[in-house]
Amino acid sequence: MKNVTLGLVGVGRIGVMHANNIAALNGVLNPGGINVGLRLTDVAEEHARRVAAGLEAEYLASVDALLASGVDGLVVATGTATHPELIKAGVDAGIPVFCEKPVAMNVADALPVLDYIRDKNGVVQIGHQRRFDAGYLEARRAYRAGELGWIHSLRAVTCDMAPPPVEFLATSGGLFRDCSVHDFDILRWLTGREIVEVYAKGSNNGDPAIGEVGDVDTALALVTFDDGTVGTVSATRYNGAGHDVRLEIQGSSRSLMVGLDDKTAMVSAEPGVAFPSGEPHRTFAERFDQAYRSEMAAFVELVLGQRDNPCTPEDAVAASRVADAAQESLASGLPVRVAGAVASQLS
């Protein structure tokens, strides 16, 4: 039995989910079983102590104390503005880091972090959990195996059932950066191609406060890949039917749909068609529950040196570049070329 202890910074909604998933890893990872310990910290001390007690984890008073305690890996689940310094702190401690996306508030702020990681030979995994979803994995396998032929169209959809608080949207960077960045990442990862141009439009028909903080509640981006293939990426905050995340891949030989199952948040208008009959997901955490679990298991394997990094900071920044271009296009009403791609691991 191997022992691994992870330090977790931040126990908000995402942090608590990661904490629970870490606690559930004990003895279930192969080969040979791994005992995963957890130590955590947060500025909200009372809440953090309650979370720690509920999981039989250890609470520590600060990030410095957490790193000094000898943890084997650091999980960062705090607000985006804190990501650069926490990533650097983990790298300085000589341990692998898992950090929720994005690397920084914007690409300009992220680039020095990438340089720092490289200079220090750091290991940092960024949290793009869709790379661990069974449907996306199968679609990638099928495409890479040649089963779809060549792709002529891609349609990515991400629909929240209800918007997050306006206070969050005021600092999120916009719908494309906050939400569609996951689609931009998965399109690059699945196809192995770069998105080179984006043309975006958006609307606000829900809460006027969303527009007042500079965001839209619904948006669509036409994306062009470096081989000329086209696709669309759409997102909304107001999908009352349920949380809906899908990807339609149409090839010259075969087509696939990720996210088409009994919980798909729609009904057929055709007579006599009862599919889908299940209860739709209500949140992203429900939709990607297993993916989040697999993502954290992968980080433990990364800590142990048992696998390659499944999502590098360079990949995350490349997806953020596309999101930046989409936000710029949304503001200008014009197509925008994506800034030069960062070297990534798309194989």
Protein backbone atom coordinates (compact mmCIF):
# COMPACT_ATOMS: atom_id res chain seq x y z
CA MET A 1 0.00 0.00 0.00
CA LYS A 2 1.48 3.34 -1.09
CA ASN A 3 0.80 6.56 0.81
CA VAL A 4 0.15 9.91 -0.87
CA THR A 5 -0.89 13.08 0.95
CA LEU A 6 -2.50 15.93 -0.97
CA GLY A 7 -2.82 19.50 0.22
CA LEU A 8 -5.98 21.34 -0.87
CA VAL A 9 -6.27 25.13 -0.92
CA GLY A 10 -9.81 26.47 -1.12
CA VAL A 11 -12.97 24.73 0.08
CA GLY A 12 -15.69 26.54 -1.81
CA ARG A 13 -18.07 24.59 -4.04
CA ILE A 14 -15.35 23.16 -6.30
CA GLY A 15 -12.93 22.64 -3.44
CA VAL A 16 -15.42 20.65 -1.39
CA MET A 17 -16.15 18.47 -4.42
CA HIS A 18 -12.42 17.80 -4.91
CA ALA A 19 -12.00 17.11 -1.19
CA ASN A 20 -14.76 14.49 -1.28
CA ASN A 21 -13.30 12.92 -4.41
CA ILE A 22 -9.83 12.77 -2.86
CA ALA A 23 -11.22 11.12 0.26
CA ALA A 24 -12.99 8.53 -1.91
CA LEU A 25 -9.71 7.48 -3.58
CA ASN A 26 -8.36 5.55 -0.61
CA GLY A 27 -7.39 2.02 -1.58
CA VAL A 28 -9.22 2.09 -4.93
CA LEU A 29 -6.37 3.17 -7.19
CA ASN A 30 -4.29 0.51 -8.88
CA PRO A 31 -1.80 -0.99 -8.98
CA GLY A 32 -1.65 -2.32 -5.46
CA GLY A 33 -3.92 0.19 -3.79
CA ILE A 34 -2.98 3.69 -2.67
CA ASN A 35 -3.78 5.37 0.62
CA VAL A 36 -4.56 9.05 -0.08
CA GLY A 37 -4.39 11.48 2.83
CA LEU A 38 -5.81 15.01 2.76
CA ARG A 39 -4.78 18.27 4.44
CA LEU A 40 -6.61 21.48 3.62
CA THR A 41 -6.72 25.19 4.27
CA ASP A 42 -8.94 28.15 3.47
CA VAL A 43 -9.28 31.73 4.69
CA ALA A 44 -12.81 30.81 5.82
CA GLU A 45 -11.45 28.93 8.83
CA GLU A 46 -14.68 27.70 10.45
CA HIS A 47 -16.02 26.31 7.21
CA ALA A 48 -12.68 24.69 6.37
CA ARG A 49 -12.49 23.08 9.80
CA ARG A 50 -16.00 21.62 9.34
CA VAL A 51 -15.09 20.21 5.94
CA ALA A 52 -11.88 18.71 7.33
CA ALA A 53 -13.69 17.14 10.27
CA GLY A 54 -16.35 15.61 8.03
CA LEU A 55 -13.70 13.93 5.89
CA GLU A 56 -11.30 13.02 8.71
CA ALA A 57 -8.78 15.33 7.05
CA GLU A 58 -6.35 17.70 8.72
CA TYR A 59 -6.94 21.46 8.78
CA LEU A 60 -3.91 23.75 8.62
CA ALA A 61 -3.98 27.48 9.18
CA SER A 62 -2.21 28.69 6.02
CA VAL A 63 -0.81 27.72 2.64
CA ASP A 64 2.69 28.04 4.06
CA ALA A 65 1.84 25.61 6.85
CA LEU A 66 0.27 23.24 4.34
CA LEU A 67 3.37 23.19 2.14
CA ALA A 68 5.70 22.93 5.14
CA SER A 69 3.80 19.86 6.35
CA GLY A 70 5.33 17.74 3.60
CA VAL A 71 2.38 17.13 1.26
CA ASP A 72 3.14 15.23 -1.95
CA GLY A 73 0.92 17.33 -4.22
CA LEU A 74 -1.02 20.59 -4.10
CA VAL A 75 -4.63 21.03 -5.29
CA VAL A 76 -5.64 24.65 -5.97
CA ALA A 77 -9.37 25.35 -5.92
CA THR A 78 -9.38 29.05 -5.06
CA GLY A 79 -10.46 32.10 -7.05
CA THR A 80 -8.73 32.68 -10.38
CA ALA A 81 -6.81 35.75 -9.22
CA THR A 82 -4.89 33.61 -6.70
CA HIS A 83 -3.89 30.86 -9.16
CA PRO A 84 -0.52 32.25 -10.33
CA GLU A 85 1.00 32.68 -6.87
CA LEU A 86 -0.33 29.35 -5.60
CA ILE A 87 0.97 27.52 -8.66
CA LYS A 88 4.38 29.12 -8.09
CA ALA A 89 4.31 28.20 -4.40
CA GLY A 90 3.66 24.55 -5.23
CA VAL A 91 6.36 24.53 -7.88
CA ASP A 92 8.81 26.14 -5.42
CA ALA A 93 7.97 23.38 -2.95
CA GLY A 94 9.04 20.84 -5.56
CA ILE A 95 5.69 19.05 -5.75
CA PRO A 96 3.18 18.52 -8.57
CA VAL A 97 0.29 20.99 -8.65
CA PHE A 98 -3.30 20.55 -9.76
CA CYS A 99 -5.02 23.87 -10.43
CA GLU A 100 -8.55 24.58 -11.59
CA LYS A 101 -8.73 26.46 -14.88
CA PRO A 102 -7.62 29.01 -15.87
CA VAL A 103 -3.94 29.54 -15.13
CA ALA A 104 -4.55 33.27 -14.57
CA MET A 105 -7.14 35.98 -15.10
CA ASN A 106 -5.97 36.49 -18.69
CA VAL A 107 -3.40 35.17 -21.13
CA ALA A 108 -1.00 38.07 -20.54
CA ASP A 109 -0.88 37.21 -16.82
CA ALA A 110 -0.57 33.49 -17.56
CA LEU A 111 2.50 33.67 -19.81
CA PRO A 112 4.97 34.55 -17.02
CA VAL A 113 3.53 31.65 -15.01
CA LEU A 114 4.26 29.27 -17.89
CA ASP A 115 7.83 30.59 -18.01
CA TYR A 116 8.18 30.12 -14.25
CA ILE A 117 6.95 26.53 -14.42
CA ARG A 118 9.35 25.71 -17.26
CA ASP A 119 12.33 27.41 -15.58
CA LYS A 120 11.71 25.45 -12.39
CA ASN A 121 10.89 22.16 -14.18
CA GLY A 122 7.54 22.20 -12.43
CA VAL A 123 4.68 19.77 -12.99
CA VAL A 124 1.27 21.41 -13.18
CA GLN A 125 -2.01 19.81 -14.26
CA ILE A 126 -4.90 22.15 -15.12
CA GLY A 127 -8.48 21.15 -14.43
CA HIS A 128 -10.22 20.61 -17.76
CA GLN A 129 -12.31 17.68 -16.55
CA ARG A 130 -14.05 16.94 -19.86
CA ARG A 131 -10.87 15.19 -20.98
CA PHE A 132 -11.84 12.43 -18.52
CA ASP A 133 -15.49 12.08 -19.56
CA ALA A 134 -16.27 8.69 -21.12
CA GLY A 135 -18.17 10.16 -24.07
CA TYR A 136 -15.45 12.62 -25.04
CA LEU A 137 -12.80 9.92 -24.63
CA GLU A 138 -14.69 7.57 -26.95
CA ALA A 139 -15.24 10.31 -29.54
CA ARG A 140 -11.54 11.13 -29.52
CA ARG A 141 -10.60 7.46 -29.84
CA ALA A 142 -13.03 6.92 -32.72
CA TYR A 143 -11.80 9.98 -34.61
CA ARG A 144 -8.11 9.22 -34.06
CA ALA A 145 -8.75 5.62 -35.22
CA GLY A 146 -10.21 6.89 -38.50
CA GLU A 147 -13.71 5.54 -37.82
CA LEU A 148 -15.40 8.88 -38.57
CA GLY A 149 -13.48 9.68 -41.73
CA TRP A 150 -12.63 13.34 -42.06
CA ILE A 151 -14.64 15.81 -39.97
CA HIS A 152 -16.82 18.25 -41.86
CA SER A 153 -18.69 19.82 -38.91
CA LEU A 154 -18.47 20.13 -35.13
CA ARG A 155 -21.16 21.55 -32.86
CA ALA A 156 -20.34 22.05 -29.18
CA VAL A 157 -23.06 23.02 -26.71
CA THR A 158 -22.81 24.05 -23.06
CA CYS A 159 -26.02 25.14 -21.34
CA ASP A 160 -26.35 25.94 -17.66
CA MET A 161 -29.79 25.42 -16.15
CA ALA A 162 -29.57 28.74 -14.32
CA PRO A 163 -26.95 31.50 -14.14
CA PRO A 164 -24.46 31.82 -11.30
CA PRO A 165 -24.65 34.91 -9.10
CA VAL A 166 -24.19 38.21 -10.93
CA GLU A 167 -21.34 38.99 -8.50
CA PHE A 168 -19.44 36.05 -9.97
CA LEU A 169 -20.22 37.05 -13.55
CA ALA A 170 -18.87 40.54 -12.89
CA THR A 171 -15.38 39.06 -12.45
CA SER A 172 -15.55 35.90 -14.59
CA GLY A 173 -14.16 37.48 -17.75
CA GLY A 174 -17.24 36.75 -19.85
CA LEU A 175 -19.28 33.75 -21.00
CA PHE A 176 -16.66 32.48 -23.43
CA ARG A 177 -13.82 32.65 -20.89
CA ASP A 178 -15.85 31.24 -18.01
CA CYS A 179 -17.90 28.60 -19.80
CA SER A 180 -17.02 27.96 -23.45
CA VAL A 181 -13.30 27.68 -22.70
CA HIS A 182 -14.08 24.03 -21.84
CA ASP A 183 -15.46 23.52 -25.36
CA PHE A 184 -12.48 25.26 -26.95
CA ASP A 185 -10.16 22.98 -24.99
CA ILE A 186 -12.01 19.80 -25.87
CA LEU A 187 -12.19 20.68 -29.57
CA ARG A 188 -8.41 21.15 -29.70
CA TRP A 189 -7.82 18.00 -27.65
CA LEU A 190 -10.17 15.83 -29.70
CA THR A 191 -9.13 16.97 -33.17
CA GLY A 192 -5.46 17.67 -32.54
CA ARG A 193 -5.90 20.92 -34.48
CA GLU A 194 -5.65 24.58 -33.57
CA ILE A 195 -8.56 27.02 -33.78
CA VAL A 196 -7.27 29.98 -35.80
CA GLU A 197 -10.30 32.29 -36.11
CA VAL A 198 -13.47 33.05 -34.15
CA TYR A 199 -16.59 35.01 -35.05
CA ALA A 200 -18.97 35.51 -32.12
CA LYS A 201 -22.40 36.92 -31.39
CA GLY A 202 -24.33 37.14 -28.13
CA SER A 203 -27.58 38.27 -26.56
CA ASN A 204 -29.17 39.17 -23.23
CA ASN A 205 -32.79 38.18 -22.78
CA GLY A 206 -32.63 37.11 -19.12
CA ASP A 207 -31.56 39.14 -16.09
CA PRO A 208 -30.62 42.68 -17.22
CA ALA A 209 -28.01 42.73 -14.45
CA ILE A 210 -25.89 40.30 -16.49
CA GLY A 211 -25.64 42.87 -19.27
CA GLU A 212 -24.96 45.62 -16.76
CA VAL A 213 -21.78 43.83 -15.60
CA GLY A 214 -20.63 43.50 -19.20
CA ASP A 215 -21.58 39.90 -19.95
CA VAL A 216 -24.14 38.12 -22.15
CA ASP A 217 -26.38 35.24 -21.13
CA THR A 218 -26.28 33.47 -24.50
CA ALA A 219 -23.57 33.35 -27.16
CA LEU A 220 -22.54 31.53 -30.31
CA ALA A 221 -19.08 31.35 -31.84
CA LEU A 222 -18.20 30.15 -35.34
CA VAL A 223 -14.72 28.65 -35.13
CA THR A 224 -12.32 27.84 -37.97
CA PHE A 225 -9.56 25.28 -37.54
CA ASP A 226 -6.11 25.41 -39.11
CA ASP A 227 -7.15 22.89 -41.77
CA GLY A 228 -10.25 24.88 -42.74
CA THR A 229 -12.76 22.74 -40.81
CA VAL A 230 -15.55 24.78 -39.23
CA GLY A 231 -17.54 24.32 -36.06
CA THR A 232 -19.83 26.14 -33.67
CA VAL A 233 -19.60 26.65 -29.93
CA SER A 234 -22.77 27.80 -28.18
CA ALA A 235 -23.49 28.57 -24.54
CA THR A 236 -26.33 29.89 -22.41
CA ARG A 237 -27.02 30.58 -18.75
CA TYR A 238 -30.77 29.91 -19.05
CA ASN A 239 -31.49 26.33 -20.13
CA GLY A 240 -34.49 25.57 -17.92
CA ALA A 241 -34.72 22.02 -19.29
CA GLY A 242 -31.53 21.09 -17.43
CA HIS A 243 -27.76 21.23 -17.63
CA ASP A 244 -26.93 20.31 -21.21
CA VAL A 245 -23.40 19.63 -22.47
CA ARG A 246 -23.03 17.93 -25.86
CA LEU A 247 -20.66 17.67 -28.79
CA GLU A 248 -21.80 16.62 -32.25
CA ILE A 249 -19.03 15.37 -34.54
CA GLN A 250 -20.03 14.78 -38.13
CA GLY A 251 -17.54 12.94 -40.31
CA SER A 252 -17.40 11.79 -43.90
CA SER A 253 -17.96 8.18 -42.77
CA ARG A 254 -19.80 8.37 -39.45
CA SER A 255 -21.19 10.82 -36.90
CA LEU A 256 -21.08 10.75 -33.09
CA MET A 257 -22.82 12.71 -30.34
CA VAL A 258 -21.23 13.12 -26.92
CA GLY A 259 -23.82 13.70 -24.18
CA LEU A 260 -26.71 11.95 -25.93
CA ASP A 261 -28.16 9.65 -23.30
CA ASP A 262 -31.24 9.16 -21.17
CA LYS A 263 -30.46 12.32 -19.21
CA THR A 264 -30.13 14.63 -22.23
CA ALA A 265 -32.01 17.84 -21.44
CA MET A 266 -34.47 17.83 -24.33
CA VAL A 267 -37.45 15.90 -25.71
CA SER A 268 -38.31 14.78 -29.23
CA ALA A 269 -41.05 16.52 -31.21
CA GLU A 270 -41.59 13.36 -33.26
CA PRO A 271 -44.75 11.30 -32.59
CA GLY A 272 -44.22 8.18 -30.52
CA VAL A 273 -40.61 8.93 -29.58
CA ALA A 274 -40.09 8.60 -25.81
CA PHE A 275 -36.31 9.03 -25.75
CA PRO A 276 -34.82 10.43 -23.62
CA SER A 277 -36.89 9.41 -20.64
CA GLY A 278 -34.51 10.11 -17.75
CA GLU A 279 -34.28 13.07 -15.39
CA PRO A 280 -31.87 15.67 -16.85
CA HIS A 281 -28.80 16.77 -14.94
CA ARG A 282 -29.22 20.03 -13.07
CA THR A 283 -25.59 21.09 -12.62
CA PHE A 284 -22.16 20.61 -14.17
CA ALA A 285 -21.10 18.69 -11.04
CA GLU A 286 -23.80 16.09 -11.73
CA ARG A 287 -23.05 15.91 -15.46
CA PHE A 288 -19.32 15.40 -14.92
CA ASP A 289 -19.30 13.59 -11.59
CA GLN A 290 -17.28 10.63 -12.82
CA ALA A 291 -15.00 12.83 -14.92
CA TYR A 292 -14.08 14.88 -11.85
CA ARG A 293 -13.35 11.68 -9.93
CA SER A 294 -11.17 10.35 -12.73
CA GLU A 295 -9.40 13.69 -13.03
CA MET A 296 -8.31 13.60 -9.40
CA ALA A 297 -7.28 9.96 -9.67
CA ALA A 298 -5.13 11.00 -12.64
CA PHE A 299 -3.48 13.69 -10.53
CA VAL A 300 -2.54 11.14 -7.88
CA GLU A 301 -1.03 8.98 -10.63
CA LEU A 302 0.85 12.05 -11.87
CA VAL A 303 2.18 12.66 -8.35
CA LEU A 304 3.38 9.06 -8.27
CA GLY A 305 5.04 9.35 -11.67
CA GLN A 306 2.72 6.73 -13.16
CA ARG A 307 1.39 8.80 -16.07
CA ASP A 308 2.04 11.79 -18.29
CA ASN A 309 0.40 15.14 -17.58
CA PRO A 310 -3.18 14.90 -18.98
CA CYS A 311 -3.66 18.68 -19.29
CA THR A 312 -0.66 20.97 -19.33
CA PRO A 313 -0.70 24.69 -18.52
CA GLU A 314 0.26 25.32 -22.15
CA ASP A 315 -2.90 23.54 -23.29
CA ALA A 316 -5.03 25.54 -20.88
CA VAL A 317 -3.54 28.83 -22.08
CA ALA A 318 -4.11 27.81 -25.70
CA ALA A 319 -7.81 27.34 -24.94
CA SER A 320 -7.85 30.69 -23.15
CA ARG A 321 -6.39 32.36 -26.23
CA VAL A 322 -9.41 31.15 -28.20
CA ALA A 323 -11.75 32.40 -25.47
CA ASP A 324 -10.03 35.79 -25.55
CA ALA A 325 -10.54 35.98 -29.32
CA ALA A 326 -14.20 35.06 -28.88
CA GLN A 327 -14.71 37.79 -26.28
CA GLU A 328 -12.98 40.29 -28.57
CA SER A 329 -15.18 39.26 -31.50
CA LEU A 330 -18.27 39.52 -29.32
CA ALA A 331 -17.33 43.09 -28.44
CA SER A 332 -16.33 44.18 -31.94
CA GLY A 333 -18.81 42.25 -34.05
CA LEU A 334 -15.95 41.18 -36.32
CA PRO A 335 -14.08 37.91 -36.89
CA VAL A 336 -10.88 37.72 -34.82
CA ARG A 337 -7.75 35.72 -35.51
CA VAL A 338 -6.51 33.73 -32.52
CA ALA A 339 -3.15 34.90 -31.21
CA GLY A 340 -0.18 32.60 -31.89
CA ALA A 341 -0.71 29.14 -30.45
CA VAL A 342 1.31 28.01 -27.44
CA ALA A 343 3.17 24.70 -27.87
CA SER A 344 0.94 21.98 -26.45
CA GLN A 345 0.58 18.24 -25.98
CA LEU A 346 -2.26 17.36 -28.35
CA SER A 347 -1.15 13.86 -29.27
